[in-house]
N, C-alpha and C. Protein backbone atom coordinates (compact mmCIF):
# COMPACT_ATOMS: atom_id res chain seq x y z
N ARG A 1 59.22 182.88 89.71
CA ARG A 1 59.34 182.57 91.11
C ARG A 1 59.11 183.82 91.96
N ILE A 2 59.71 184.95 91.57
CA ILE A 2 59.57 186.18 92.34
C ILE A 2 58.12 186.65 92.34
N ALA A 3 57.47 186.54 91.19
CA ALA A 3 56.05 186.92 91.12
C ALA A 3 55.21 186.03 92.03
N GLY A 4 55.53 184.74 92.06
CA GLY A 4 54.82 183.82 92.94
C GLY A 4 55.03 184.17 94.41
N GLU A 5 56.26 184.52 94.77
CA GLU A 5 56.55 184.91 96.15
C GLU A 5 55.81 186.19 96.51
N ALA A 6 55.75 187.13 95.57
CA ALA A 6 55.04 188.39 95.81
C ALA A 6 53.55 188.14 96.04
N ALA A 7 53.00 187.22 95.26
CA ALA A 7 51.58 186.90 95.43
C ALA A 7 51.33 186.25 96.79
N VAL A 8 52.22 185.36 97.18
CA VAL A 8 52.09 184.72 98.50
C VAL A 8 52.22 185.76 99.60
N ALA A 9 53.18 186.67 99.46
CA ALA A 9 53.37 187.72 100.47
C ALA A 9 52.12 188.60 100.57
N ARG A 10 51.53 188.95 99.42
CA ARG A 10 50.29 189.76 99.44
C ARG A 10 49.16 189.01 100.14
N ARG A 11 49.02 187.73 99.84
CA ARG A 11 47.98 186.92 100.48
C ARG A 11 48.20 186.87 101.99
N LEU A 12 49.44 186.71 102.42
CA LEU A 12 49.74 186.66 103.85
C LEU A 12 49.50 188.01 104.51
N ASP A 13 49.86 189.10 103.82
CA ASP A 13 49.59 190.44 104.34
C ASP A 13 48.10 190.65 104.53
N GLU A 14 47.30 190.18 103.57
CA GLU A 14 45.84 190.29 103.69
C GLU A 14 45.34 189.51 104.89
N ARG A 15 45.86 188.29 105.07
CA ARG A 15 45.45 187.50 106.24
C ARG A 15 45.81 188.21 107.53
N LEU A 16 47.00 188.82 107.57
CA LEU A 16 47.44 189.50 108.79
C LEU A 16 46.69 190.81 109.01
N SER A 17 46.26 191.45 107.93
CA SER A 17 45.43 192.65 108.08
C SER A 17 44.09 192.28 108.70
N ALA A 18 43.55 191.15 108.28
CA ALA A 18 42.28 190.69 108.81
C ALA A 18 42.43 190.15 110.24
N ASN A 19 43.56 189.52 110.52
CA ASN A 19 43.79 188.94 111.84
C ASN A 19 45.28 189.04 112.17
N PRO A 20 45.70 190.11 112.86
CA PRO A 20 47.12 190.29 113.19
C PRO A 20 47.68 189.19 114.10
N ASP A 21 46.79 188.41 114.71
CA ASP A 21 47.23 187.34 115.61
C ASP A 21 47.23 185.97 114.93
N ASP A 22 47.38 185.93 113.64
CA ASP A 22 47.43 184.69 112.88
C ASP A 22 48.87 184.15 112.90
N ALA A 23 49.15 183.29 113.87
CA ALA A 23 50.51 182.77 114.05
C ALA A 23 51.01 182.03 112.81
N ALA A 24 50.12 181.30 112.16
CA ALA A 24 50.53 180.55 110.96
C ALA A 24 50.93 181.51 109.84
N ALA A 25 50.19 182.59 109.66
CA ALA A 25 50.54 183.57 108.62
C ALA A 25 51.86 184.26 108.96
N LEU A 26 52.06 184.58 110.22
CA LEU A 26 53.34 185.18 110.64
C LEU A 26 54.49 184.23 110.34
N SER A 27 54.29 182.96 110.64
CA SER A 27 55.31 181.96 110.40
C SER A 27 55.62 181.82 108.91
N GLU A 28 54.57 181.78 108.10
CA GLU A 28 54.77 181.66 106.64
C GLU A 28 55.48 182.89 106.08
N LEU A 29 55.11 184.07 106.56
CA LEU A 29 55.76 185.29 106.10
C LEU A 29 57.22 185.32 106.54
N ALA A 30 57.48 184.84 107.74
CA ALA A 30 58.86 184.75 108.23
C ALA A 30 59.69 183.83 107.34
N ALA A 31 59.10 182.72 106.90
CA ALA A 31 59.81 181.80 106.01
C ALA A 31 60.18 182.48 104.69
N LEU A 32 59.25 183.28 104.16
CA LEU A 32 59.55 184.03 102.93
C LEU A 32 60.69 185.02 103.17
N MET A 33 60.64 185.72 104.29
CA MET A 33 61.69 186.71 104.58
C MET A 33 63.04 186.02 104.73
N ALA A 34 63.07 184.90 105.44
CA ALA A 34 64.33 184.18 105.63
C ALA A 34 64.86 183.69 104.28
N ALA A 35 63.98 183.21 103.43
CA ALA A 35 64.40 182.74 102.10
C ALA A 35 65.01 183.87 101.28
N ARG A 36 64.56 185.09 101.52
CA ARG A 36 65.10 186.26 100.82
C ARG A 36 66.36 186.79 101.51
N GLY A 37 66.73 186.20 102.65
CA GLY A 37 67.92 186.64 103.36
C GLY A 37 67.67 187.64 104.47
N ASP A 38 66.40 187.99 104.70
CA ASP A 38 66.07 188.93 105.76
C ASP A 38 65.79 188.16 107.05
N HIS A 39 66.86 187.69 107.66
CA HIS A 39 66.70 186.88 108.87
C HIS A 39 66.28 187.71 110.07
N ALA A 40 66.72 188.96 110.13
CA ALA A 40 66.29 189.82 111.24
C ALA A 40 64.78 190.05 111.18
N GLY A 41 64.26 190.27 109.99
CA GLY A 41 62.82 190.43 109.83
C GLY A 41 62.08 189.15 110.19
N ALA A 42 62.67 188.01 109.82
CA ALA A 42 62.06 186.73 110.16
C ALA A 42 62.02 186.54 111.67
N VAL A 43 63.08 186.95 112.35
CA VAL A 43 63.12 186.82 113.82
C VAL A 43 61.99 187.61 114.45
N ALA A 44 61.77 188.83 113.97
CA ALA A 44 60.70 189.67 114.53
C ALA A 44 59.34 188.99 114.36
N LEU A 45 59.09 188.45 113.19
CA LEU A 45 57.81 187.78 112.95
C LEU A 45 57.67 186.49 113.76
N LEU A 46 58.75 185.73 113.85
CA LEU A 46 58.70 184.49 114.61
C LEU A 46 58.55 184.75 116.10
N ASP A 47 59.16 185.83 116.60
CA ASP A 47 58.95 186.22 118.00
C ASP A 47 57.47 186.48 118.26
N ARG A 48 56.84 187.22 117.35
CA ARG A 48 55.40 187.49 117.49
C ARG A 48 54.59 186.20 117.45
N ALA A 49 54.94 185.32 116.50
CA ALA A 49 54.21 184.05 116.38
C ALA A 49 54.36 183.22 117.65
N MET A 50 55.55 183.22 118.24
CA MET A 50 55.78 182.43 119.46
C MET A 50 54.88 182.92 120.60
N LEU A 51 54.64 184.22 120.65
CA LEU A 51 53.78 184.76 121.71
C LEU A 51 52.33 184.33 121.54
N LEU A 52 51.96 183.95 120.34
CA LEU A 52 50.57 183.62 120.03
C LEU A 52 50.23 182.14 120.16
N VAL A 53 51.23 181.29 120.19
CA VAL A 53 50.94 179.86 120.29
C VAL A 53 50.79 179.49 121.77
N PRO A 54 49.91 178.54 122.05
CA PRO A 54 49.61 178.23 123.46
C PRO A 54 50.74 177.53 124.22
N ALA A 55 51.61 176.82 123.51
CA ALA A 55 52.71 176.10 124.15
C ALA A 55 53.95 176.25 123.28
N PRO A 56 55.12 176.05 123.85
CA PRO A 56 56.34 176.14 123.02
C PRO A 56 56.24 175.24 121.79
N ASP A 57 56.56 175.78 120.67
CA ASP A 57 56.46 175.07 119.39
C ASP A 57 57.88 174.81 118.88
N ALA A 58 58.26 173.54 118.80
CA ALA A 58 59.62 173.17 118.42
C ALA A 58 59.99 173.69 117.02
N ALA A 59 59.08 173.59 116.08
CA ALA A 59 59.39 174.03 114.71
C ALA A 59 59.61 175.54 114.68
N LEU A 60 58.76 176.30 115.37
CA LEU A 60 58.95 177.75 115.41
C LEU A 60 60.25 178.11 116.12
N LEU A 61 60.54 177.44 117.23
CA LEU A 61 61.77 177.72 117.96
C LEU A 61 63.00 177.43 117.10
N ALA A 62 62.97 176.33 116.35
CA ALA A 62 64.10 175.98 115.50
C ALA A 62 64.32 177.04 114.42
N ARG A 63 63.24 177.48 113.80
CA ARG A 63 63.37 178.51 112.76
C ARG A 63 63.79 179.84 113.36
N LEU A 64 63.26 180.16 114.54
CA LEU A 64 63.65 181.39 115.23
C LEU A 64 65.14 181.36 115.56
N GLY A 65 65.60 180.26 116.13
CA GLY A 65 67.02 180.14 116.47
C GLY A 65 67.91 180.24 115.25
N TYR A 66 67.53 179.54 114.18
CA TYR A 66 68.33 179.56 112.95
C TYR A 66 68.42 180.97 112.38
N SER A 67 67.27 181.63 112.25
CA SER A 67 67.30 182.99 111.69
C SER A 67 68.06 183.95 112.60
N ALA A 68 67.92 183.77 113.90
CA ALA A 68 68.65 184.64 114.83
C ALA A 68 70.16 184.43 114.68
N LEU A 69 70.61 183.18 114.54
CA LEU A 69 72.04 182.95 114.30
C LEU A 69 72.48 183.60 113.00
N LYS A 70 71.69 183.42 111.94
CA LYS A 70 72.05 184.00 110.64
C LYS A 70 72.11 185.53 110.70
N ALA A 71 71.24 186.13 111.52
CA ALA A 71 71.20 187.60 111.65
C ALA A 71 72.17 188.09 112.72
N GLU A 72 72.93 187.17 113.31
CA GLU A 72 73.87 187.50 114.38
C GLU A 72 73.17 188.14 115.58
N MET A 73 71.97 187.67 115.83
CA MET A 73 71.19 188.09 117.00
C MET A 73 71.36 186.99 118.05
N ASP A 74 72.55 186.96 118.63
CA ASP A 74 72.96 185.83 119.45
C ASP A 74 72.10 185.63 120.71
N GLN A 75 71.66 186.71 121.33
CA GLN A 75 70.81 186.55 122.53
C GLN A 75 69.48 185.89 122.16
N GLU A 76 68.89 186.32 121.05
CA GLU A 76 67.65 185.69 120.58
C GLU A 76 67.90 184.21 120.26
N ALA A 77 69.00 183.94 119.58
CA ALA A 77 69.33 182.56 119.23
C ALA A 77 69.52 181.71 120.48
N GLU A 78 70.22 182.26 121.46
CA GLU A 78 70.44 181.50 122.68
C GLU A 78 69.12 181.19 123.38
N ARG A 79 68.24 182.18 123.47
CA ARG A 79 66.93 181.94 124.11
C ARG A 79 66.15 180.86 123.37
N ALA A 80 66.14 180.95 122.04
CA ALA A 80 65.39 179.97 121.25
C ALA A 80 65.96 178.57 121.42
N TYR A 81 67.28 178.44 121.28
CA TYR A 81 67.88 177.11 121.37
C TYR A 81 67.88 176.58 122.80
N GLU A 82 67.92 177.45 123.79
CA GLU A 82 67.80 177.01 125.18
C GLU A 82 66.42 176.39 125.40
N ALA A 83 65.38 177.08 124.93
CA ALA A 83 64.02 176.54 125.05
C ALA A 83 63.87 175.26 124.25
N LEU A 84 64.43 175.23 123.06
CA LEU A 84 64.33 174.05 122.21
C LEU A 84 65.09 172.87 122.82
N SER A 85 66.20 173.14 123.49
CA SER A 85 66.97 172.05 124.10
C SER A 85 66.19 171.40 125.24
N LYS A 86 65.28 172.13 125.84
CA LYS A 86 64.42 171.54 126.88
C LYS A 86 63.36 170.63 126.25
N LEU A 87 62.92 170.97 125.04
CA LEU A 87 61.95 170.14 124.34
C LEU A 87 62.60 168.93 123.68
N ALA A 88 63.86 169.08 123.28
CA ALA A 88 64.57 168.01 122.57
C ALA A 88 66.00 167.90 123.13
N PRO A 89 66.15 167.42 124.36
CA PRO A 89 67.46 167.43 125.01
C PRO A 89 68.51 166.53 124.35
N ALA A 90 68.10 165.60 123.53
CA ALA A 90 69.05 164.70 122.88
C ALA A 90 69.26 165.05 121.41
N ASP A 91 68.80 166.22 120.97
CA ASP A 91 68.96 166.63 119.57
C ASP A 91 70.32 167.30 119.41
N THR A 92 71.23 166.61 118.77
CA THR A 92 72.60 167.08 118.64
C THR A 92 72.69 168.40 117.88
N ASP A 93 71.90 168.56 116.83
CA ASP A 93 71.94 169.80 116.07
C ASP A 93 71.50 170.99 116.92
N VAL A 94 70.50 170.78 117.75
CA VAL A 94 70.05 171.84 118.67
C VAL A 94 71.19 172.21 119.62
N LEU A 95 71.87 171.20 120.15
CA LEU A 95 72.97 171.47 121.08
C LEU A 95 74.14 172.18 120.40
N ILE A 96 74.43 171.80 119.17
CA ILE A 96 75.50 172.50 118.43
C ILE A 96 75.12 173.96 118.24
N ASN A 97 73.89 174.21 117.81
CA ASN A 97 73.46 175.59 117.60
C ASN A 97 73.37 176.36 118.92
N LEU A 98 72.99 175.69 120.00
CA LEU A 98 73.01 176.33 121.31
C LEU A 98 74.44 176.72 121.68
N GLY A 99 75.38 175.83 121.40
CA GLY A 99 76.79 176.15 121.65
C GLY A 99 77.25 177.35 120.85
N LEU A 100 76.86 177.42 119.57
CA LEU A 100 77.23 178.56 118.73
C LEU A 100 76.62 179.85 119.26
N ALA A 101 75.36 179.79 119.67
CA ALA A 101 74.70 180.98 120.21
C ALA A 101 75.37 181.42 121.51
N ARG A 102 75.70 180.46 122.36
CA ARG A 102 76.38 180.81 123.61
C ARG A 102 77.75 181.41 123.35
N MET A 103 78.45 180.92 122.33
CA MET A 103 79.72 181.56 121.96
C MET A 103 79.48 183.01 121.60
N GLY A 104 78.42 183.25 120.86
CA GLY A 104 78.11 184.60 120.41
C GLY A 104 77.83 185.57 121.55
N VAL A 105 77.28 185.08 122.65
CA VAL A 105 76.98 185.96 123.79
C VAL A 105 78.13 185.94 124.81
N GLY A 106 79.19 185.20 124.51
CA GLY A 106 80.35 185.19 125.39
C GLY A 106 80.29 184.19 126.52
N ASP A 107 79.36 183.25 126.47
CA ASP A 107 79.24 182.23 127.50
C ASP A 107 80.07 181.02 127.10
N THR A 108 81.39 181.12 127.28
CA THR A 108 82.28 180.05 126.87
C THR A 108 82.02 178.75 127.62
N PRO A 109 81.86 178.77 128.96
CA PRO A 109 81.58 177.50 129.65
C PRO A 109 80.27 176.86 129.18
N GLY A 110 79.24 177.66 128.95
CA GLY A 110 77.97 177.13 128.46
C GLY A 110 78.10 176.57 127.06
N ALA A 111 78.86 177.27 126.20
CA ALA A 111 79.09 176.79 124.83
C ALA A 111 79.84 175.47 124.86
N GLU A 112 80.86 175.41 125.68
CA GLU A 112 81.65 174.18 125.77
C GLU A 112 80.78 173.02 126.25
N ALA A 113 79.95 173.27 127.25
CA ALA A 113 79.08 172.20 127.78
C ALA A 113 78.12 171.69 126.70
N ALA A 114 77.51 172.60 125.95
CA ALA A 114 76.57 172.19 124.90
C ALA A 114 77.28 171.41 123.80
N LEU A 115 78.46 171.87 123.39
CA LEU A 115 79.19 171.20 122.31
C LEU A 115 79.75 169.85 122.77
N ARG A 116 80.18 169.76 124.00
CA ARG A 116 80.66 168.47 124.51
C ARG A 116 79.51 167.46 124.60
N GLU A 117 78.34 167.94 125.01
CA GLU A 117 77.17 167.05 125.07
C GLU A 117 76.78 166.59 123.66
N ALA A 118 76.85 167.50 122.69
CA ALA A 118 76.55 167.13 121.30
C ALA A 118 77.53 166.07 120.82
N SER A 119 78.80 166.24 121.15
CA SER A 119 79.81 165.27 120.75
C SER A 119 79.58 163.92 121.43
N ARG A 120 79.16 163.95 122.69
CA ARG A 120 78.87 162.71 123.41
C ARG A 120 77.67 161.97 122.79
N LEU A 121 76.65 162.74 122.41
CA LEU A 121 75.44 162.14 121.86
C LEU A 121 75.63 161.61 120.44
N ARG A 122 76.53 162.23 119.70
CA ARG A 122 76.78 161.79 118.32
C ARG A 122 78.29 161.63 118.13
N PRO A 123 78.85 160.56 118.69
CA PRO A 123 80.30 160.40 118.70
C PRO A 123 80.94 160.24 117.32
N GLY A 124 80.18 159.95 116.31
CA GLY A 124 80.73 159.79 114.97
C GLY A 124 80.72 161.07 114.14
N ASP A 125 80.36 162.20 114.76
CA ASP A 125 80.22 163.45 114.02
C ASP A 125 81.38 164.38 114.34
N THR A 126 82.01 164.90 113.30
CA THR A 126 83.14 165.82 113.49
C THR A 126 82.69 167.25 113.81
N LYS A 127 81.45 167.60 113.48
CA LYS A 127 81.01 169.00 113.61
C LYS A 127 81.13 169.54 115.03
N PRO A 128 80.67 168.83 116.07
CA PRO A 128 80.84 169.39 117.41
C PRO A 128 82.31 169.59 117.79
N LEU A 129 83.18 168.69 117.33
CA LEU A 129 84.61 168.82 117.62
C LEU A 129 85.21 170.03 116.93
N VAL A 130 84.81 170.27 115.69
CA VAL A 130 85.32 171.44 114.96
C VAL A 130 84.80 172.72 115.61
N CYS A 131 83.55 172.72 116.03
CA CYS A 131 83.00 173.89 116.73
C CYS A 131 83.75 174.13 118.04
N LEU A 132 84.04 173.07 118.78
CA LEU A 132 84.83 173.21 120.00
C LEU A 132 86.20 173.79 119.69
N ALA A 133 86.84 173.29 118.65
CA ALA A 133 88.16 173.79 118.27
C ALA A 133 88.11 175.27 117.94
N ASN A 134 87.08 175.69 117.20
CA ASN A 134 86.94 177.11 116.88
C ASN A 134 86.73 177.94 118.14
N MET A 135 85.92 177.44 119.07
CA MET A 135 85.70 178.15 120.31
C MET A 135 87.00 178.28 121.10
N TYR A 136 87.74 177.17 121.20
CA TYR A 136 89.01 177.21 121.92
C TYR A 136 90.00 178.17 121.27
N THR A 137 90.02 178.18 119.94
CA THR A 137 90.92 179.09 119.23
C THR A 137 90.56 180.54 119.55
N ARG A 138 89.27 180.86 119.51
CA ARG A 138 88.82 182.23 119.78
C ARG A 138 89.13 182.67 121.20
N THR A 139 89.15 181.73 122.12
CA THR A 139 89.38 182.08 123.53
C THR A 139 90.84 181.87 123.94
N GLY A 140 91.71 181.62 122.97
CA GLY A 140 93.14 181.51 123.25
C GLY A 140 93.57 180.21 123.91
N GLN A 141 92.75 179.18 123.82
CA GLN A 141 93.08 177.88 124.41
C GLN A 141 93.68 176.97 123.33
N ARG A 142 94.94 177.27 122.99
CA ARG A 142 95.60 176.62 121.87
C ARG A 142 95.66 175.10 122.03
N ASN A 143 96.09 174.61 123.18
CA ASN A 143 96.23 173.15 123.36
C ASN A 143 94.89 172.44 123.22
N GLU A 144 93.83 173.02 123.78
CA GLU A 144 92.51 172.42 123.68
C GLU A 144 92.02 172.41 122.22
N ALA A 145 92.34 173.50 121.51
CA ALA A 145 91.95 173.58 120.09
C ALA A 145 92.66 172.49 119.28
N VAL A 146 93.95 172.32 119.52
CA VAL A 146 94.72 171.30 118.81
C VAL A 146 94.15 169.91 119.11
N THR A 147 93.84 169.66 120.38
CA THR A 147 93.27 168.36 120.77
C THR A 147 91.95 168.10 120.06
N ALA A 148 91.08 169.11 120.04
CA ALA A 148 89.77 168.94 119.39
C ALA A 148 89.94 168.72 117.88
N LEU A 149 90.83 169.48 117.24
CA LEU A 149 91.05 169.30 115.80
C LEU A 149 91.64 167.93 115.50
N ASN A 150 92.60 167.49 116.30
CA ASN A 150 93.17 166.16 116.08
C ASN A 150 92.12 165.07 116.27
N ALA A 151 91.23 165.24 117.24
CA ALA A 151 90.15 164.27 117.44
C ALA A 151 89.23 164.24 116.22
N ALA A 152 88.92 165.42 115.68
CA ALA A 152 88.07 165.49 114.48
C ALA A 152 88.75 164.82 113.30
N LEU A 153 90.05 165.07 113.12
CA LEU A 153 90.78 164.47 112.01
C LEU A 153 90.91 162.96 112.17
N THR A 154 91.11 162.50 113.40
CA THR A 154 91.17 161.06 113.65
C THR A 154 89.83 160.41 113.31
N LEU A 155 88.77 161.04 113.76
CA LEU A 155 87.43 160.53 113.45
C LEU A 155 87.19 160.55 111.95
N ALA A 156 87.61 161.62 111.30
CA ALA A 156 87.43 161.74 109.85
C ALA A 156 88.21 160.67 109.10
N GLY A 157 89.32 160.25 109.67
CA GLY A 157 90.12 159.22 109.02
C GLY A 157 89.35 157.92 108.84
N THR A 158 88.39 157.68 109.70
CA THR A 158 87.58 156.47 109.57
C THR A 158 86.43 156.64 108.59
N GLN A 159 86.13 157.90 108.22
CA GLN A 159 84.97 158.17 107.37
C GLN A 159 85.34 158.67 105.97
N GLY A 160 86.57 159.08 105.79
CA GLY A 160 86.99 159.60 104.49
C GLY A 160 86.46 161.01 104.25
N ASP A 161 86.30 161.36 102.99
CA ASP A 161 85.93 162.72 102.62
C ASP A 161 84.54 163.14 103.10
N ALA A 162 83.68 162.20 103.40
CA ALA A 162 82.32 162.53 103.82
C ALA A 162 82.26 163.14 105.22
N ALA A 163 83.36 163.10 105.96
CA ALA A 163 83.36 163.59 107.34
C ALA A 163 83.26 165.11 107.42
N PHE A 164 83.65 165.81 106.37
CA PHE A 164 83.66 167.28 106.39
C PHE A 164 82.94 167.83 105.17
N PRO A 165 82.29 168.98 105.34
CA PRO A 165 81.74 169.66 104.16
C PRO A 165 82.88 170.07 103.22
N THR A 166 82.56 170.31 101.97
CA THR A 166 83.55 170.68 100.97
C THR A 166 84.40 171.86 101.46
N GLY A 167 85.69 171.71 101.37
CA GLY A 167 86.63 172.77 101.71
C GLY A 167 86.98 172.86 103.18
N GLN A 168 86.22 172.21 104.05
CA GLN A 168 86.49 172.36 105.48
C GLN A 168 87.78 171.66 105.89
N ARG A 169 88.09 170.54 105.25
CA ARG A 169 89.32 169.81 105.61
C ARG A 169 90.54 170.71 105.41
N ALA A 170 90.58 171.44 104.32
CA ALA A 170 91.73 172.32 104.06
C ALA A 170 91.80 173.43 105.11
N ARG A 171 90.66 173.98 105.51
CA ARG A 171 90.66 175.02 106.54
C ARG A 171 91.13 174.46 107.88
N ILE A 172 90.71 173.24 108.18
CA ILE A 172 91.15 172.60 109.43
C ILE A 172 92.66 172.38 109.41
N ASP A 173 93.17 171.90 108.29
CA ASP A 173 94.61 171.68 108.18
C ASP A 173 95.38 172.98 108.36
N ARG A 174 94.89 174.09 107.76
CA ARG A 174 95.56 175.39 107.91
C ARG A 174 95.53 175.86 109.36
N LEU A 175 94.36 175.73 110.00
CA LEU A 175 94.23 176.15 111.39
C LEU A 175 95.14 175.31 112.29
N LEU A 176 95.14 174.02 112.08
CA LEU A 176 95.98 173.15 112.90
C LEU A 176 97.46 173.50 112.71
N LYS A 177 97.86 173.75 111.49
CA LYS A 177 99.24 174.12 111.22
C LYS A 177 99.60 175.43 111.93
N ALA A 178 98.70 176.41 111.85
CA ALA A 178 98.96 177.70 112.52
C ALA A 178 99.05 177.51 114.03
N LEU A 179 98.16 176.70 114.57
CA LEU A 179 98.19 176.46 116.03
C LEU A 179 99.46 175.71 116.44
N MET A 180 99.85 174.75 115.65
CA MET A 180 101.05 173.97 115.97
C MET A 180 102.31 174.83 115.86
N ASN A 181 102.31 175.81 114.97
CA ASN A 181 103.46 176.69 114.80
C ASN A 181 103.41 177.89 115.76
N GLY A 182 102.38 177.93 116.59
CA GLY A 182 102.27 179.01 117.56
C GLY A 182 101.81 180.33 117.00
N GLN A 183 101.23 180.32 115.79
CA GLN A 183 100.75 181.55 115.17
C GLN A 183 99.32 181.81 115.64
N LYS A 184 98.91 183.07 115.50
CA LYS A 184 97.51 183.39 115.74
C LYS A 184 96.71 182.85 114.56
N ALA A 185 95.55 182.32 114.87
CA ALA A 185 94.69 181.81 113.80
C ALA A 185 94.33 182.92 112.86
N GLY A 186 94.34 182.64 111.58
CA GLY A 186 93.98 183.63 110.56
C GLY A 186 95.16 184.45 110.10
N SER A 187 96.35 184.27 110.70
CA SER A 187 97.50 185.07 110.25
C SER A 187 98.30 184.33 109.22
C-alpha cells in the first residue's frame, strides 16, 4: 500500500511539475496527505486548488473544511464551511462543522446559531445537541448544557444504542453528572 501511495505521489508531483495549476492533481495530492494525517499540508494544497477552479467547488470546500478542522486551523475551517453553507444551506453536517469551526474561533453566538439550525433541520439527530452541550459547557452555561444533554438523552431513548457513537453515551452521562453536581467538566 505504501509503495502504491508513493507511486501515486510521484505521478502527481510530475503532473504538478509540468503544470503547477493542475487543480485536480493538487486535490488528489491533498487527499493523500490527509490520509497520511498531514491535514495542514492538505489545507495548503486545497487552498491552492480552490484558487484555480472557476467557481466554488462543494467537494473541495468540504475537504478543505474537514482537513482544517483536523489540523485545528479554525479560521480556515470557518471560511470553508461558511462558503459551503451558502452552497448547501440545508446540509446538517455542514452546519455542525460550521458550528465547530465557529467555536474554535470564539464565535459562540455564530456557533450556537449553526448548531441550532442543524438540530432544527435534523430533529432526530443527537449530534447537534451534544455539540451544543459541549459549547455551553466550554462557555460556562451550565443550565443550557444540562438542557441540551437531557434533550439528546431523551431523543436517544427513542433510538436506543444507535443514537450515539461507541462510548459517547458514557461520556455524556459523566458530563451530565458533573454538571448536575456543580463540578467543572473534566474534573
